[in-house]
């Protein structure tokens, strides 16, 4: 299997790229989220890959991060969801937003992605909900804009759940504290204020 490609970006468009490695050009299909992070043609690029082998073809799917590749593998594990549809999902949502939608059972949000119908969205939620940690999903969605905020949320919510609060209550308390004072930057203060509320 090909785990990643590290080479020169020979060609790129919205859905595919060609990466030259050792004189060989590899065609790689990508989601929009990866396209946004590509260098200009001729620049060095590293893509984490998923190698799909079928009876009639071999295809490479590339991602800017290992987290995107893991999300792709998770989505393609759903019955009836192939690689092209999984790319559409990752083109429509960030990894954090995808995890959050699945953990919250938000099939309507998934159904807004082109190519995903209501039944497919519901199947994705049903088959993957137990595989997503809600606290990690919430923190990953928050870290899309600010990695520090994602870590802060994760730490505070984990502390609250360790104290016996449910994940939903922990998330609500942390959100309430941060909404009241977005400048908070350490989890101990967030935890103290959450316990006081």
Protein backbone atom coordinates (compact mmCIF):
# COMPACT_ATOMS: atom_id res chain seq x y z
CA UNK A 1 0.00 0.00 0.00
CA UNK A 2 1.05 3.59 -0.59
CA UNK A 3 0.84 5.50 2.72
CA UNK A 4 1.88 8.93 1.42
CA UNK A 5 3.45 10.73 -1.51
CA UNK A 6 6.16 13.34 -1.06
CA UNK A 7 7.21 15.02 -4.28
CA UNK A 8 6.62 17.83 -6.73
CA UNK A 9 3.13 19.01 -7.56
CA UNK A 10 3.14 18.60 -11.34
CA UNK A 11 -0.56 19.37 -11.99
CA UNK A 12 -3.51 20.40 -9.92
CA UNK A 13 -7.20 21.08 -10.29
CA UNK A 14 -10.09 21.04 -7.84
CA UNK A 15 -10.66 17.28 -7.80
CA UNK A 16 -7.28 15.78 -8.72
CA UNK A 17 -3.55 16.36 -8.71
CA UNK A 18 -0.49 14.73 -10.21
CA UNK A 19 2.44 14.32 -7.83
CA UNK A 20 5.82 13.48 -9.34
CA UNK A 21 7.89 11.19 -7.14
CA UNK A 22 11.15 9.75 -8.47
CA UNK A 23 10.25 10.43 -12.09
CA UNK A 24 6.78 8.84 -11.83
CA UNK A 25 3.61 10.94 -11.89
CA UNK A 26 0.87 9.69 -9.55
CA UNK A 27 -2.70 10.79 -10.21
CA UNK A 28 -4.40 11.45 -6.88
CA UNK A 29 -8.04 12.38 -6.27
CA UNK A 30 -8.50 14.96 -3.51
CA UNK A 31 -11.25 16.71 -1.53
CA UNK A 32 -11.70 20.48 -1.72
CA UNK A 33 -10.24 20.88 1.77
CA UNK A 34 -6.93 19.47 0.54
CA UNK A 35 -6.97 21.57 -2.65
CA UNK A 36 -7.14 24.71 -0.50
CA UNK A 37 -3.84 23.77 1.18
CA UNK A 38 -1.83 22.85 -1.91
CA UNK A 39 1.23 24.84 -2.99
CA UNK A 40 1.56 26.27 -6.48
CA UNK A 41 2.41 23.86 -9.29
CA UNK A 42 6.11 23.00 -9.15
CA UNK A 43 6.19 23.22 -5.35
CA UNK A 44 6.91 20.38 -2.93
CA UNK A 45 3.85 18.59 -1.56
CA UNK A 46 3.17 15.74 0.84
CA UNK A 47 -0.17 13.95 0.64
CA UNK A 48 -1.37 11.19 2.94
CA UNK A 49 -2.95 8.60 0.67
CA UNK A 50 -5.55 5.90 0.61
CA UNK A 51 -4.84 3.29 -2.06
CA UNK A 52 -8.04 1.76 -3.46
CA UNK A 53 -7.61 -1.48 -5.38
CA UNK A 54 -10.54 -2.84 -7.42
CA UNK A 55 -10.90 -5.51 -10.07
CA UNK A 56 -10.90 -2.92 -12.83
CA UNK A 57 -8.78 -0.09 -11.40
CA UNK A 58 -6.33 1.19 -8.83
CA UNK A 59 -6.95 4.68 -7.47
CA UNK A 60 -5.13 6.97 -5.07
CA UNK A 61 -6.98 9.41 -2.84
CA UNK A 62 -4.87 12.12 -1.19
CA UNK A 63 -5.30 14.27 1.89
CA UNK A 64 -3.42 17.19 3.43
CA UNK A 65 -3.56 15.57 6.89
CA UNK A 66 -3.68 12.14 8.46
CA UNK A 67 -6.94 13.16 10.20
CA UNK A 68 -8.60 13.71 6.81
CA UNK A 69 -7.40 10.29 5.63
CA UNK A 70 -8.80 8.66 8.80
CA UNK A 71 -12.14 10.42 8.30
CA UNK A 72 -12.20 9.23 4.68
CA UNK A 73 -11.60 5.62 5.77
CA UNK A 74 -14.33 5.94 8.40
CA UNK A 75 -16.89 7.32 5.95
CA UNK A 76 -16.08 4.69 3.31
CA UNK A 77 -16.70 1.97 5.92
CA UNK A 78 -20.41 2.87 5.77
CA UNK A 79 -22.38 0.49 3.55
CA UNK A 80 -23.24 2.11 0.23
CA UNK A 81 -20.69 4.93 0.56
CA UNK A 82 -17.83 4.73 -1.90
CA UNK A 83 -14.65 6.79 -2.21
CA UNK A 84 -16.13 9.46 -4.50
CA UNK A 85 -19.01 10.08 -2.10
CA UNK A 86 -16.58 10.18 0.85
CA UNK A 87 -14.57 12.85 -1.02
CA UNK A 88 -17.77 14.85 -1.43
CA UNK A 89 -18.37 14.63 2.33
CA UNK A 90 -14.85 15.89 3.09
CA UNK A 91 -15.25 18.62 0.49
CA UNK A 92 -18.43 19.81 2.22
CA UNK A 93 -17.35 19.61 5.88
CA UNK A 94 -14.14 19.87 7.85
CA UNK A 95 -13.11 16.75 9.77
CA UNK A 96 -14.17 18.42 13.03
CA UNK A 97 -17.57 19.45 11.66
CA UNK A 98 -18.12 15.97 10.23
CA UNK A 99 -17.32 14.34 13.58
CA UNK A 100 -19.57 16.81 15.38
CA UNK A 101 -22.49 16.22 12.98
CA UNK A 102 -22.15 12.44 13.40
CA UNK A 103 -21.79 12.56 17.20
CA UNK A 104 -24.83 14.84 17.52
CA UNK A 105 -26.91 12.75 15.09
CA UNK A 106 -27.24 15.73 12.73
CA UNK A 107 -28.14 13.89 9.52
CA UNK A 108 -29.75 17.07 8.14
CA UNK A 109 -26.36 18.77 8.04
CA UNK A 110 -24.86 15.81 6.17
CA UNK A 111 -27.79 15.81 3.74
CA UNK A 112 -26.89 19.37 2.65
CA UNK A 113 -23.76 18.00 0.93
CA UNK A 114 -24.16 17.51 -2.80
CA UNK A 115 -24.62 13.82 -3.59
CA UNK A 116 -25.71 12.85 -0.06
CA UNK A 117 -29.40 12.13 0.26
CA UNK A 118 -31.43 11.92 3.45
CA UNK A 119 -31.18 8.13 3.72
CA UNK A 120 -27.43 8.06 3.11
CA UNK A 121 -26.94 10.82 5.69
CA UNK A 122 -28.98 8.87 8.23
CA UNK A 123 -27.01 5.68 7.48
CA UNK A 124 -23.71 7.53 8.02
CA UNK A 125 -24.90 8.78 11.40
CA UNK A 126 -26.29 5.42 12.51
CA UNK A 127 -23.25 3.39 11.47
CA UNK A 128 -20.59 5.83 12.72
CA UNK A 129 -22.10 7.42 15.83
CA UNK A 130 -20.58 4.84 18.20
CA UNK A 131 -17.16 5.30 16.59
CA UNK A 132 -16.94 9.03 17.32
CA UNK A 133 -16.04 10.43 20.74
CA UNK A 134 -18.40 13.40 21.29
CA UNK A 135 -15.88 15.36 23.37
CA UNK A 136 -13.14 14.92 20.76
CA UNK A 137 -15.62 15.83 18.00
CA UNK A 138 -16.64 19.04 19.75
CA UNK A 139 -13.02 19.99 20.46
CA UNK A 140 -11.93 19.18 16.89
CA UNK A 141 -14.74 21.31 15.45
CA UNK A 142 -13.70 24.21 17.70
CA UNK A 143 -10.01 23.78 16.84
CA UNK A 144 -10.71 24.42 13.15
CA UNK A 145 -10.60 28.15 13.90
CA UNK A 146 -8.30 28.02 16.94
CA UNK A 147 -6.23 24.98 17.95
CA UNK A 148 -5.75 26.48 21.43
CA UNK A 149 -9.51 26.79 21.92
CA UNK A 150 -10.00 23.15 20.89
CA UNK A 151 -7.47 21.99 23.48
CA UNK A 152 -9.04 24.22 26.14
CA UNK A 153 -12.52 22.83 25.42
CA UNK A 154 -11.30 19.23 25.40
CA UNK A 155 -9.45 19.56 28.71
CA UNK A 156 -12.31 21.32 30.50
CA UNK A 157 -14.95 18.89 29.19
CA UNK A 158 -12.83 15.84 30.09
CA UNK A 159 -12.38 17.20 33.62
CA UNK A 160 -16.14 17.74 33.99
CA UNK A 161 -16.98 14.26 32.73
CA UNK A 162 -14.37 12.81 35.12
CA UNK A 163 -16.27 14.58 37.92
CA UNK A 164 -19.47 12.79 36.87
CA UNK A 165 -21.17 15.24 34.52
CA UNK A 166 -22.64 13.83 31.30
CA UNK A 167 -20.95 14.83 28.04
CA UNK A 168 -23.93 16.99 27.04
CA UNK A 169 -23.96 18.85 30.38
CA UNK A 170 -20.16 19.26 30.29
CA UNK A 171 -20.32 20.71 26.77
CA UNK A 172 -23.15 23.09 27.70
CA UNK A 173 -21.33 24.34 30.81
CA UNK A 174 -18.06 24.92 28.95
CA UNK A 175 -19.85 26.68 26.08
CA UNK A 176 -21.69 28.90 28.57
CA UNK A 177 -18.47 29.89 30.36
CA UNK A 178 -16.63 30.65 27.10
CA UNK A 179 -19.58 32.59 25.69
CA UNK A 180 -19.55 34.80 28.80
CA UNK A 181 -15.78 35.34 28.64
CA UNK A 182 -14.12 34.33 25.32
CA UNK A 183 -10.74 35.64 26.53
CA UNK A 184 -10.24 32.72 28.95
CA UNK A 185 -7.13 30.79 28.05
CA UNK A 186 -6.60 28.11 30.69
CA UNK A 187 -8.72 25.06 31.41
CA UNK A 188 -8.51 25.41 35.21
CA UNK A 189 -10.29 28.77 35.14
CA UNK A 190 -12.89 27.44 32.69
CA UNK A 191 -13.42 24.40 34.93
CA UNK A 192 -13.76 26.51 38.09
CA UNK A 193 -16.31 28.84 36.44
CA UNK A 194 -18.21 25.88 34.94
CA UNK A 195 -18.51 24.26 38.37
CA UNK A 196 -19.70 27.56 39.87
CA UNK A 197 -22.45 27.99 37.27
